[in-house]
């Protein structure tokens, strides 16, 4: 038989783990982020699609995106993405 104290500890641990996981996945909690991604589609509306992210807005200076290009993308704390373009080789 499990004591109420053990149940409380188990519940507390589960809630902490769940909150940590949610925070790691929510940009509003963890702040902005950036990464490298591969362009998978170039859209005519000023956006590109990369890896698993759709509708990434291109910066004005990123004028020649091509499929297969590895670029830097940034995510704001509100979850919006921006494509900065390729890094120097």
C-alpha atoms as a PDB file:
ATOM      1  CA  UNK A   1       0.000   0.000   0.000  1.00  0.00           C
ATOM      2  CA  UNK A   2       1.297   3.469  -0.919  1.00  0.00           C
ATOM      3  CA  UNK A   3       1.242   6.221   1.682  1.00  0.00           C
ATOM      4  CA  UNK A   4      -0.264   9.640   0.966  1.00  0.00           C
ATOM      5  CA  UNK A   5       3.196  11.160   1.463  1.00  0.00           C
ATOM      6  CA  UNK A   6       4.631   8.951  -1.286  1.00  0.00           C
ATOM      7  CA  UNK A   7       1.717   9.824  -3.571  1.00  0.00           C
ATOM      8  CA  UNK A   8       2.273  13.542  -2.968  1.00  0.00           C
ATOM      9  CA  UNK A   9       5.983  13.224  -3.785  1.00  0.00           C
ATOM     10  CA  UNK A  10       5.207  11.280  -6.970  1.00  0.00           C
ATOM     11  CA  UNK A  11       2.596  13.838  -8.035  1.00  0.00           C
ATOM     12  CA  UNK A  12       4.971  16.733  -7.307  1.00  0.00           C
ATOM     13  CA  UNK A  13       7.743  15.113  -9.359  1.00  0.00           C
ATOM     14  CA  UNK A  14       5.377  14.452 -12.270  1.00  0.00           C
ATOM     15  CA  UNK A  15       4.091  18.045 -12.257  1.00  0.00           C
ATOM     16  CA  UNK A  16       7.625  19.458 -12.146  1.00  0.00           C
ATOM     17  CA  UNK A  17       8.683  17.252 -15.050  1.00  0.00           C
ATOM     18  CA  UNK A  18       5.621  18.290 -17.064  1.00  0.00           C
ATOM     19  CA  UNK A  19       6.194  22.008 -16.390  1.00  0.00           C
ATOM     20  CA  UNK A  20       9.874  21.720 -17.375  1.00  0.00           C
ATOM     21  CA  UNK A  21       8.957  19.953 -20.619  1.00  0.00           C
ATOM     22  CA  UNK A  22       6.328  22.610 -21.454  1.00  0.00           C
ATOM     23  CA  UNK A  23       8.790  25.407 -20.723  1.00  0.00           C
ATOM     24  CA  UNK A  24      11.463  23.864 -22.917  1.00  0.00           C
ATOM     25  CA  UNK A  25       9.039  23.756 -25.842  1.00  0.00           C
ATOM     26  CA  UNK A  26       7.389  27.175 -25.445  1.00  0.00           C
ATOM     27  CA  UNK A  27       9.383  30.083 -26.897  1.00  0.00           C
ATOM     28  CA  UNK A  28       7.507  32.526 -24.646  1.00  0.00           C
ATOM     29  CA  UNK A  29       9.019  30.740 -21.652  1.00  0.00           C
ATOM     30  CA  UNK A  30      12.517  29.989 -22.888  1.00  0.00           C
ATOM     31  CA  UNK A  31      13.002  33.234 -24.846  1.00  0.00           C
ATOM     32  CA  UNK A  32      14.207  33.664 -28.416  1.00  0.00           C
ATOM     33  CA  UNK A  33      16.204  31.055 -30.242  1.00  0.00           C
ATOM     34  CA  UNK A  34      18.169  30.567 -33.441  1.00  0.00           C
ATOM     35  CA  UNK A  35      19.336  27.570 -35.450  1.00  0.00           C
ATOM     36  CA  UNK A  36      20.522  26.405 -38.841  1.00  0.00           C
ATOM     37  CA  UNK A  37      17.907  24.972 -41.184  1.00  0.00           C
ATOM     38  CA  UNK A  38      17.668  23.790 -44.784  1.00  0.00           C
ATOM     39  CA  UNK A  39      15.337  25.597 -47.186  1.00  0.00           C
ATOM     40  CA  UNK A  40      12.714  23.173 -48.506  1.00  0.00           C
ATOM     41  CA  UNK A  41      10.526  25.648 -50.448  1.00  0.00           C
ATOM     42  CA  UNK A  42      10.671  29.268 -51.589  1.00  0.00           C
ATOM     43  CA  UNK A  43       7.297  31.015 -51.529  1.00  0.00           C
ATOM     44  CA  UNK A  44       6.337  34.051 -53.593  1.00  0.00           C
ATOM     45  CA  UNK A  45       5.127  36.002 -50.557  1.00  0.00           C
ATOM     46  CA  UNK A  46       8.538  36.731 -49.022  1.00  0.00           C
ATOM     47  CA  UNK A  47       8.675  33.569 -46.941  1.00  0.00           C
ATOM     48  CA  UNK A  48      10.545  30.283 -47.112  1.00  0.00           C
ATOM     49  CA  UNK A  49       9.827  26.881 -45.663  1.00  0.00           C
ATOM     50  CA  UNK A  50      12.635  25.156 -43.815  1.00  0.00           C
ATOM     51  CA  UNK A  51      12.859  21.693 -42.312  1.00  0.00           C
ATOM     52  CA  UNK A  52       9.755  21.482 -40.098  1.00  0.00           C
ATOM     53  CA  UNK A  53       8.951  25.237 -40.024  1.00  0.00           C
ATOM     54  CA  UNK A  54       6.614  26.854 -42.553  1.00  0.00           C
ATOM     55  CA  UNK A  55       6.207  30.532 -43.460  1.00  0.00           C
ATOM     56  CA  UNK A  56       9.523  31.877 -42.207  1.00  0.00           C
ATOM     57  CA  UNK A  57       9.624  35.572 -43.168  1.00  0.00           C
ATOM     58  CA  UNK A  58      12.774  36.547 -45.095  1.00  0.00           C
ATOM     59  CA  UNK A  59      14.797  39.625 -44.170  1.00  0.00           C
ATOM     60  CA  UNK A  60      14.951  42.294 -46.923  1.00  0.00           C
ATOM     61  CA  UNK A  61      18.641  41.566 -47.585  1.00  0.00           C
ATOM     62  CA  UNK A  62      17.997  37.819 -48.061  1.00  0.00           C
ATOM     63  CA  UNK A  63      17.045  38.175 -51.721  1.00  0.00           C
ATOM     64  CA  UNK A  64      18.107  34.880 -53.317  1.00  0.00           C
ATOM     65  CA  UNK A  65      16.849  31.898 -51.332  1.00  0.00           C
ATOM     66  CA  UNK A  66      17.236  28.500 -52.982  1.00  0.00           C
ATOM     67  CA  UNK A  67      15.987  25.061 -52.062  1.00  0.00           C
ATOM     68  CA  UNK A  68      18.725  23.093 -50.302  1.00  0.00           C
ATOM     69  CA  UNK A  69      20.444  26.198 -48.929  1.00  0.00           C
ATOM     70  CA  UNK A  70      21.442  26.054 -45.246  1.00  0.00           C
ATOM     71  CA  UNK A  71      20.362  29.281 -43.549  1.00  0.00           C
ATOM     72  CA  UNK A  72      20.091  30.803 -40.102  1.00  0.00           C
ATOM     73  CA  UNK A  73      16.580  31.246 -38.737  1.00  0.00           C
ATOM     74  CA  UNK A  74      15.651  33.082 -35.563  1.00  0.00           C
ATOM     75  CA  UNK A  75      12.554  32.639 -33.420  1.00  0.00           C
ATOM     76  CA  UNK A  76      11.224  35.447 -31.255  1.00  0.00           C
ATOM     77  CA  UNK A  77       9.807  34.869 -27.801  1.00  0.00           C
ATOM     78  CA  UNK A  78       6.329  35.223 -29.341  1.00  0.00           C
ATOM     79  CA  UNK A  79       7.039  32.264 -31.643  1.00  0.00           C
ATOM     80  CA  UNK A  80       7.515  34.107 -34.955  1.00  0.00           C
ATOM     81  CA  UNK A  81      10.345  33.022 -37.263  1.00  0.00           C
ATOM     82  CA  UNK A  82      12.642  35.121 -39.461  1.00  0.00           C
ATOM     83  CA  UNK A  83      15.133  33.890 -42.087  1.00  0.00           C
ATOM     84  CA  UNK A  84      18.437  35.745 -41.993  1.00  0.00           C
ATOM     85  CA  UNK A  85      20.011  33.880 -44.895  1.00  0.00           C
ATOM     86  CA  UNK A  86      23.075  31.711 -45.405  1.00  0.00           C
ATOM     87  CA  UNK A  87      26.222  31.955 -43.318  1.00  0.00           C
ATOM     88  CA  UNK A  88      29.576  32.743 -44.921  1.00  0.00           C
ATOM     89  CA  UNK A  89      31.508  29.733 -46.148  1.00  0.00           C
END
